[in-house]
Amino acid sequence: MKTFKLTFLLIFAMLSNAWAQNPSPELLTPSNHALVLIDHEGQMAFAVNGIDPVILRNNVGLISGASKIFNIPTVVTTVAEASFSGPVFPEIQEFYPNKTEYIDRTTMNTWEDAKAHKAITGKNKKRIVMAGLWTSVCVVGPAMSALADGYEVFVITDASGDITKEAHDMAVQRMILAGVRPITSMQYVLELQRDWARAATYEPVNQLIMRYGGAYGLGVQYARKMLKH
């Protein structure tokens, strides 16, 4: 009888998997892309308008934390860190504390810096996700350049910003017209998790969202405490 039940359960599981739809290959997964964080530094952030700096920092925290949780190949690059732009956001330092691994540049376009270009392309991923400051300069440059070199490029728009909302919006539109795919920070995190049954990342992702997820994070905290979820 036990053998019969076990066989039945195995057959049921196989049929359930057969009925499940395959996810789109267009979706991001932990293994199909590299992440590039560009110039999230104090001097670059001071002039940003169009997004609240607290929201910007939280979004940077979300994607930095997600990249660590899911072991995404990640490049952190700065521009004139010691002489002008200053240190990267604490939200990046939290997850990538080894500052010697940051790549400092003089070029506005990360793709034109030999060391940064080597680090990014050396991840051996044909799909690249980017976020940075400012959108119209330090994100447009490498995004358009990577596209020209045959890479698929995604830009996390709400972890990027510019000196005006119009500058940011026009930069995003320009990139979309060229073929860049826009996404947002929470979308990035949840697209990587995809299934709450993935136990290995369930708790770290929930902790990350409670810390940096704004109102949604408060909702998660409430559910865990009050509803015992």
C-alpha atoms as a PDB file:
ATOM      1  CA  MET A   1       0.000   0.000   0.000  1.00  0.00           C
ATOM      2  CA  LYS A   2       2.839   2.352   0.870  1.00  0.00           C
ATOM      3  CA  THR A   3       4.498   1.606  -2.477  1.00  0.00           C
ATOM      4  CA  PHE A   4       1.257   2.395  -4.283  1.00  0.00           C
ATOM      5  CA  LYS A   5       0.877   5.730  -2.472  1.00  0.00           C
ATOM      6  CA  LEU A   6       4.481   6.683  -3.198  1.00  0.00           C
ATOM      7  CA  THR A   7       4.081   5.810  -6.865  1.00  0.00           C
ATOM      8  CA  PHE A   8       0.871   7.840  -7.034  1.00  0.00           C
ATOM      9  CA  LEU A   9       2.549  10.873  -5.478  1.00  0.00           C
ATOM     10  CA  LEU A  10       5.481  10.654  -7.882  1.00  0.00           C
ATOM     11  CA  ILE A  11       3.164  10.433 -10.871  1.00  0.00           C
ATOM     12  CA  PHE A  12       1.120  13.372  -9.562  1.00  0.00           C
ATOM     13  CA  ALA A  13       4.274  15.458  -9.112  1.00  0.00           C
ATOM     14  CA  MET A  14       5.444  14.618 -12.631  1.00  0.00           C
ATOM     15  CA  LEU A  15       2.084  15.569 -14.093  1.00  0.00           C
ATOM     16  CA  SER A  16       2.020  18.799 -12.107  1.00  0.00           C
ATOM     17  CA  ASN A  17       5.429  19.741 -13.480  1.00  0.00           C
ATOM     18  CA  ALA A  18       4.298  18.830 -16.979  1.00  0.00           C
ATOM     19  CA  TRP A  19       1.325  21.160 -16.673  1.00  0.00           C
ATOM     20  CA  ALA A  20       3.446  24.059 -15.361  1.00  0.00           C
ATOM     21  CA  GLN A  21       4.302  26.698 -17.903  1.00  0.00           C
ATOM     22  CA  ASN A  22       7.942  27.470 -18.607  1.00  0.00           C
ATOM     23  CA  PRO A  23       8.976  31.006 -17.633  1.00  0.00           C
ATOM     24  CA  SER A  24       9.906  33.457 -20.362  1.00  0.00           C
ATOM     25  CA  PRO A  25      13.606  33.528 -21.288  1.00  0.00           C
ATOM     26  CA  GLU A  26      13.265  37.319 -21.191  1.00  0.00           C
ATOM     27  CA  LEU A  27      13.086  37.209 -17.398  1.00  0.00           C
ATOM     28  CA  LEU A  28      16.148  37.823 -15.266  1.00  0.00           C
ATOM     29  CA  THR A  29      17.523  34.929 -13.226  1.00  0.00           C
ATOM     30  CA  PRO A  30      20.435  34.759 -10.774  1.00  0.00           C
ATOM     31  CA  SER A  31      22.576  33.050 -13.398  1.00  0.00           C
ATOM     32  CA  ASN A  32      21.850  34.974 -16.594  1.00  0.00           C
ATOM     33  CA  HIS A  33      23.218  38.467 -15.964  1.00  0.00           C
ATOM     34  CA  ALA A  34      25.791  40.689 -14.324  1.00  0.00           C
ATOM     35  CA  LEU A  35      25.021  43.841 -12.322  1.00  0.00           C
ATOM     36  CA  VAL A  36      26.893  47.140 -12.658  1.00  0.00           C
ATOM     37  CA  LEU A  37      26.474  49.846 -10.000  1.00  0.00           C
ATOM     38  CA  ILE A  38      27.739  53.150 -11.366  1.00  0.00           C
ATOM     39  CA  ASP A  39      28.754  56.221  -9.349  1.00  0.00           C
ATOM     40  CA  HIS A  40      26.325  56.015  -6.440  1.00  0.00           C
ATOM     41  CA  GLU A  41      28.426  58.628  -4.622  1.00  0.00           C
ATOM     42  CA  GLY A  42      27.685  61.647  -2.474  1.00  0.00           C
ATOM     43  CA  GLN A  43      28.667  64.375  -4.922  1.00  0.00           C
ATOM     44  CA  MET A  44      26.645  62.759  -7.693  1.00  0.00           C
ATOM     45  CA  ALA A  45      23.613  62.399  -5.425  1.00  0.00           C
ATOM     46  CA  PHE A  46      23.589  65.976  -4.119  1.00  0.00           C
ATOM     47  CA  ALA A  47      22.208  67.356  -7.385  1.00  0.00           C
ATOM     48  CA  VAL A  48      19.675  64.592  -8.055  1.00  0.00           C
ATOM     49  CA  ASN A  49      16.068  65.715  -8.406  1.00  0.00           C
ATOM     50  CA  GLY A  50      12.945  63.796  -9.383  1.00  0.00           C
ATOM     51  CA  ILE A  51      13.402  61.044  -6.804  1.00  0.00           C
ATOM     52  CA  ASP A  52      13.524  61.426  -3.051  1.00  0.00           C
ATOM     53  CA  PRO A  53      17.072  60.700  -1.817  1.00  0.00           C
ATOM     54  CA  VAL A  54      15.752  58.344   0.866  1.00  0.00           C
ATOM     55  CA  ILE A  55      13.846  56.341  -1.747  1.00  0.00           C
ATOM     56  CA  LEU A  56      16.897  56.346  -4.006  1.00  0.00           C
ATOM     57  CA  ARG A  57      19.096  55.016  -1.198  1.00  0.00           C
ATOM     58  CA  ASN A  58      16.547  52.361  -0.272  1.00  0.00           C
ATOM     59  CA  ASN A  59      16.337  51.215  -3.875  1.00  0.00           C
ATOM     60  CA  VAL A  60      20.105  51.008  -4.111  1.00  0.00           C
ATOM     61  CA  GLY A  61      20.034  48.979  -0.898  1.00  0.00           C
ATOM     62  CA  LEU A  62      17.462  46.619  -2.399  1.00  0.00           C
ATOM     63  CA  ILE A  63      19.457  45.845  -5.523  1.00  0.00           C
ATOM     64  CA  SER A  64      22.808  45.697  -3.708  1.00  0.00           C
ATOM     65  CA  GLY A  65      21.384  43.281  -1.162  1.00  0.00           C
ATOM     66  CA  ALA A  66      19.642  41.185  -3.801  1.00  0.00           C
ATOM     67  CA  SER A  67      22.834  40.903  -5.812  1.00  0.00           C
ATOM     68  CA  LYS A  68      24.601  39.552  -2.726  1.00  0.00           C
ATOM     69  CA  ILE A  69      21.802  37.157  -1.756  1.00  0.00           C
ATOM     70  CA  PHE A  70      21.587  35.674  -5.243  1.00  0.00           C
ATOM     71  CA  ASN A  71      25.356  35.739  -5.899  1.00  0.00           C
ATOM     72  CA  ILE A  72      25.051  37.997  -8.934  1.00  0.00           C
ATOM     73  CA  PRO A  73      28.397  38.872 -10.567  1.00  0.00           C
ATOM     74  CA  THR A  74      28.608  42.548  -9.607  1.00  0.00           C
ATOM     75  CA  VAL A  75      30.877  45.453 -10.523  1.00  0.00           C
ATOM     76  CA  VAL A  76      30.921  48.617  -8.401  1.00  0.00           C
ATOM     77  CA  THR A  77      32.473  51.552 -10.193  1.00  0.00           C
ATOM     78  CA  THR A  78      33.126  55.139  -9.094  1.00  0.00           C
ATOM     79  CA  VAL A  79      34.298  58.330 -10.735  1.00  0.00           C
ATOM     80  CA  ALA A  80      37.016  60.481  -9.174  1.00  0.00           C
ATOM     81  CA  GLU A  81      36.173  59.079  -5.754  1.00  0.00           C
ATOM     82  CA  ALA A  82      39.086  60.562  -3.830  1.00  0.00           C
ATOM     83  CA  SER A  83      39.251  63.954  -5.555  1.00  0.00           C
ATOM     84  CA  PHE A  84      35.626  64.868  -6.216  1.00  0.00           C
ATOM     85  CA  SER A  85      32.688  62.466  -5.953  1.00  0.00           C
ATOM     86  CA  GLY A  86      33.322  60.926  -2.562  1.00  0.00           C
ATOM     87  CA  PRO A  87      32.475  57.466  -1.200  1.00  0.00           C
ATOM     88  CA  VAL A  88      29.702  55.212  -2.452  1.00  0.00           C
ATOM     89  CA  PHE A  89      26.413  54.988  -0.602  1.00  0.00           C
ATOM     90  CA  PRO A  90      26.508  53.132   2.736  1.00  0.00           C
ATOM     91  CA  GLU A  91      23.884  50.798   1.267  1.00  0.00           C
ATOM     92  CA  ILE A  92      26.480  49.547  -1.207  1.00  0.00           C
ATOM     93  CA  GLN A  93      29.295  49.444   1.343  1.00  0.00           C
ATOM     94  CA  GLU A  94      27.117  47.255   3.581  1.00  0.00           C
ATOM     95  CA  PHE A  95      27.051  44.474   1.019  1.00  0.00           C
ATOM     96  CA  TYR A  96      30.337  45.234  -0.756  1.00  0.00           C
ATOM     97  CA  PRO A  97      32.638  46.462   2.025  1.00  0.00           C
ATOM     98  CA  ASN A  98      35.902  45.730   0.205  1.00  0.00           C
ATOM     99  CA  LYS A  99      36.586  49.134  -1.300  1.00  0.00           C
ATOM    100  CA  THR A 100      39.708  47.877  -3.034  1.00  0.00           C
ATOM    101  CA  GLU A 101      37.416  46.026  -5.425  1.00  0.00           C
ATOM    102  CA  TYR A 102      35.686  49.222  -6.563  1.00  0.00           C
ATOM    103  CA  ILE A 103      36.843  50.466  -9.945  1.00  0.00           C
ATOM    104  CA  ASP A 104      37.556  54.192 -10.001  1.00  0.00           C
ATOM    105  CA  ARG A 105      37.561  56.041 -13.318  1.00  0.00           C
ATOM    106  CA  THR A 106      38.096  59.412 -14.908  1.00  0.00           C
ATOM    107  CA  THR A 107      35.831  58.638 -17.871  1.00  0.00           C
ATOM    108  CA  MET A 108      32.160  59.572 -17.685  1.00  0.00           C
ATOM    109  CA  ASN A 109      31.341  56.515 -19.785  1.00  0.00           C
ATOM    110  CA  THR A 110      32.237  53.396 -17.807  1.00  0.00           C
ATOM    111  CA  TRP A 111      32.490  51.408 -21.053  1.00  0.00           C
ATOM    112  CA  GLU A 112      35.416  53.592 -22.192  1.00  0.00           C
ATOM    113  CA  ASP A 113      37.502  52.804 -19.114  1.00  0.00           C
ATOM    114  CA  ALA A 114      39.753  49.843 -19.861  1.00  0.00           C
ATOM    115  CA  LYS A 115      39.731  48.409 -16.328  1.00  0.00           C
ATOM    116  CA  ALA A 116      35.974  48.774 -15.868  1.00  0.00           C
ATOM    117  CA  HIS A 117      35.262  47.366 -19.319  1.00  0.00           C
ATOM    118  CA  LYS A 118      37.445  44.350 -18.592  1.00  0.00           C
ATOM    119  CA  ALA A 119      35.742  43.765 -15.236  1.00  0.00           C
ATOM    120  CA  ILE A 120      32.238  43.920 -16.720  1.00  0.00           C
ATOM    121  CA  THR A 121      32.872  41.862 -19.825  1.00  0.00           C
ATOM    122  CA  GLY A 122      34.980  39.473 -17.769  1.00  0.00           C
ATOM    123  CA  LYS A 123      31.838  38.317 -15.968  1.00  0.00           C
ATOM    124  CA  ASN A 124      30.999  36.472 -19.197  1.00  0.00           C
ATOM    125  CA  LYS A 125      27.328  37.427 -19.160  1.00  0.00           C
ATOM    126  CA  LYS A 126      25.649  38.653 -22.344  1.00  0.00           C
ATOM    127  CA  ARG A 127      22.917  40.287 -20.263  1.00  0.00           C
ATOM    128  CA  ILE A 128      23.897  43.304 -18.146  1.00  0.00           C
ATOM    129  CA  VAL A 129      21.794  45.153 -15.573  1.00  0.00           C
ATOM    130  CA  MET A 130      22.845  48.715 -14.742  1.00  0.00           C
ATOM    131  CA  ALA A 131      21.925  51.487 -12.327  1.00  0.00           C
ATOM    132  CA  GLY A 132      23.730  54.723 -11.586  1.00  0.00           C
ATOM    133  CA  LEU A 133      24.050  58.470 -11.286  1.00  0.00           C
ATOM    134  CA  TRP A 134      23.433  60.403 -13.432  1.00  0.00           C
ATOM    135  CA  THR A 135      21.071  58.642 -15.806  1.00  0.00           C
ATOM    136  CA  SER A 136      21.724  60.906 -18.796  1.00  0.00           C
ATOM    137  CA  VAL A 137      25.492  60.585 -18.629  1.00  0.00           C
ATOM    138  CA  CYS A 138      26.892  57.760 -16.540  1.00  0.00           C
ATOM    139  CA  VAL A 139      24.110  55.294 -17.372  1.00  0.00           C
ATOM    140  CA  VAL A 140      23.319  56.233 -20.976  1.00  0.00           C
ATOM    141  CA  GLY A 141      26.988  55.977 -21.957  1.00  0.00           C
ATOM    142  CA  PRO A 142      27.680  52.379 -20.927  1.00  0.00           C
ATOM    143  CA  ALA A 143      24.142  51.219 -21.700  1.00  0.00           C
ATOM    144  CA  MET A 144      24.290  52.409 -25.308  1.00  0.00           C
ATOM    145  CA  SER A 145      27.883  51.201 -25.673  1.00  0.00           C
ATOM    146  CA  ALA A 146      27.070  47.729 -24.346  1.00  0.00           C
ATOM    147  CA  LEU A 147      24.107  47.521 -26.724  1.00  0.00           C
ATOM    148  CA  ALA A 148      26.376  48.414 -29.633  1.00  0.00           C
ATOM    149  CA  ASP A 149      28.684  45.567 -28.607  1.00  0.00           C
ATOM    150  CA  GLY A 150      25.847  43.053 -28.719  1.00  0.00           C
ATOM    151  CA  TYR A 151      24.876  42.856 -25.041  1.00  0.00           C
ATOM    152  CA  GLU A 152      21.324  42.818 -23.718  1.00  0.00           C
ATOM    153  CA  VAL A 153      20.983  45.746 -21.336  1.00  0.00           C
ATOM    154  CA  PHE A 154      18.520  46.392 -18.520  1.00  0.00           C
ATOM    155  CA  VAL A 155      18.469  49.638 -16.511  1.00  0.00           C
ATOM    156  CA  ILE A 156      16.987  49.889 -13.026  1.00  0.00           C
ATOM    157  CA  THR A 157      15.363  53.270 -13.403  1.00  0.00           C
ATOM    158  CA  ASP A 158      14.438  53.966  -9.780  1.00  0.00           C
ATOM    159  CA  ALA A 159      17.970  53.226  -8.570  1.00  0.00           C
ATOM    160  CA  SER A 160      19.196  55.887 -11.003  1.00  0.00           C
ATOM    161  CA  GLY A 161      18.631  59.631 -11.033  1.00  0.00           C
ATOM    162  CA  ASP A 162      19.562  62.919 -12.658  1.00  0.00           C
ATOM    163  CA  ILE A 163      19.746  66.657 -12.050  1.00  0.00           C
ATOM    164  CA  THR A 164      16.141  67.093 -13.209  1.00  0.00           C
ATOM    165  CA  LYS A 165      13.220  64.729 -13.680  1.00  0.00           C
ATOM    166  CA  GLU A 166      13.168  65.676 -17.360  1.00  0.00           C
ATOM    167  CA  ALA A 167      16.835  64.763 -17.768  1.00  0.00           C
ATOM    168  CA  HIS A 168      16.181  61.363 -16.191  1.00  0.00           C
ATOM    169  CA  ASP A 169      12.991  60.721 -18.168  1.00  0.00           C
ATOM    170  CA  MET A 170      14.493  61.725 -21.509  1.00  0.00           C
ATOM    171  CA  ALA A 171      17.540  59.551 -20.852  1.00  0.00           C
ATOM    172  CA  VAL A 172      15.314  56.570 -20.073  1.00  0.00           C
ATOM    173  CA  GLN A 173      13.252  57.182 -23.208  1.00  0.00           C
ATOM    174  CA  ARG A 174      16.407  57.456 -25.313  1.00  0.00           C
ATOM    175  CA  MET A 175      17.681  54.143 -23.986  1.00  0.00           C
ATOM    176  CA  ILE A 176      14.338  52.408 -24.496  1.00  0.00           C
ATOM    177  CA  LEU A 177      14.241  53.569 -28.115  1.00  0.00           C
ATOM    178  CA  ALA A 178      17.721  52.105 -28.555  1.00  0.00           C
ATOM    179  CA  GLY A 179      16.675  48.750 -27.078  1.00  0.00           C
ATOM    180  CA  VAL A 180      17.408  49.001 -23.356  1.00  0.00           C
ATOM    181  CA  ARG A 181      14.834  47.347 -21.091  1.00  0.00           C
ATOM    182  CA  PRO A 182      13.714  49.388 -18.062  1.00  0.00           C
ATOM    183  CA  ILE A 183      12.947  47.718 -14.728  1.00  0.00           C
ATOM    184  CA  THR A 184      12.550  48.853 -11.124  1.00  0.00           C
ATOM    185  CA  SER A 185      14.298  47.857  -7.917  1.00  0.00           C
ATOM    186  CA  MET A 186      11.546  45.814  -6.287  1.00  0.00           C
ATOM    187  CA  GLN A 187      10.816  44.178  -9.624  1.00  0.00           C
ATOM    188  CA  TYR A 188      14.462  43.154  -9.789  1.00  0.00           C
ATOM    189  CA  VAL A 189      14.392  41.550  -6.331  1.00  0.00           C
ATOM    190  CA  LEU A 190      11.121  39.683  -6.867  1.00  0.00           C
ATOM    191  CA  GLU A 191      12.057  38.543 -10.359  1.00  0.00           C
ATOM    192  CA  LEU A 192      15.138  36.896  -8.911  1.00  0.00           C
ATOM    193  CA  GLN A 193      13.199  35.233  -6.081  1.00  0.00           C
ATOM    194  CA  ARG A 194      10.251  34.288  -8.357  1.00  0.00           C
ATOM    195  CA  ASP A 195       8.972  31.547  -6.051  1.00  0.00           C
ATOM    196  CA  TRP A 196       8.498  31.890  -2.287  1.00  0.00           C
ATOM    197  CA  ALA A 197       9.084  28.138  -1.980  1.00  0.00           C
ATOM    198  CA  ARG A 198      12.771  28.778  -2.719  1.00  0.00           C
ATOM    199  CA  ALA A 199      13.713  28.369   0.915  1.00  0.00           C
ATOM    200  CA  ALA A 200      17.410  29.210   0.607  1.00  0.00           C
ATOM    201  CA  THR A 201      16.694  32.840  -0.288  1.00  0.00           C
ATOM    202  CA  TYR A 202      13.222  33.254   1.285  1.00  0.00           C
ATOM    203  CA  GLU A 203      14.375  34.601   4.645  1.00  0.00           C
ATOM    204  CA  PRO A 204      17.227  36.819   3.356  1.00  0.00           C
ATOM    205  CA  VAL A 205      14.899  38.377   0.782  1.00  0.00           C
ATOM    206  CA  ASN A 206      12.221  39.043   3.395  1.00  0.00           C
ATOM    207  CA  GLN A 207      14.778  40.638   5.697  1.00  0.00           C
ATOM    208  CA  LEU A 208      16.048  42.784   2.823  1.00  0.00           C
ATOM    209  CA  ILE A 209      12.527  43.921   1.938  1.00  0.00           C
ATOM    210  CA  MET A 210      11.670  44.730   5.555  1.00  0.00           C
ATOM    211  CA  ARG A 211      14.760  46.916   5.735  1.00  0.00           C
ATOM    212  CA  TYR A 212      14.700  48.670   2.376  1.00  0.00           C
ATOM    213  CA  GLY A 213      11.234  47.981   0.955  1.00  0.00           C
ATOM    214  CA  GLY A 214       9.425  51.035   2.315  1.00  0.00           C
ATOM    215  CA  ALA A 215       5.688  50.530   2.877  1.00  0.00           C
ATOM    216  CA  TYR A 216       5.830  47.039   1.402  1.00  0.00           C
ATOM    217  CA  GLY A 217       8.552  46.188   3.888  1.00  0.00           C
ATOM    218  CA  LEU A 218       6.325  47.375   6.722  1.00  0.00           C
ATOM    219  CA  GLY A 219       3.574  45.146   5.363  1.00  0.00           C
ATOM    220  CA  VAL A 220       5.901  42.156   5.382  1.00  0.00           C
ATOM    221  CA  GLN A 221       6.956  42.956   8.944  1.00  0.00           C
ATOM    222  CA  TYR A 222       3.311  43.271  10.011  1.00  0.00           C
ATOM    223  CA  ALA A 223       2.313  39.971   8.406  1.00  0.00           C
ATOM    224  CA  ARG A 224       5.191  38.113  10.016  1.00  0.00           C
ATOM    225  CA  LYS A 225       4.417  39.494  13.468  1.00  0.00           C
ATOM    226  CA  MET A 226       0.625  39.709  13.531  1.00  0.00           C
ATOM    227  CA  LEU A 227      -0.430  37.002  11.105  1.00  0.00           C
ATOM    228  CA  LYS A 228       2.500  34.694  11.844  1.00  0.00           C
ATOM    229  CA  HIS A 229       3.454  34.439   8.138  1.00  0.00           C
END
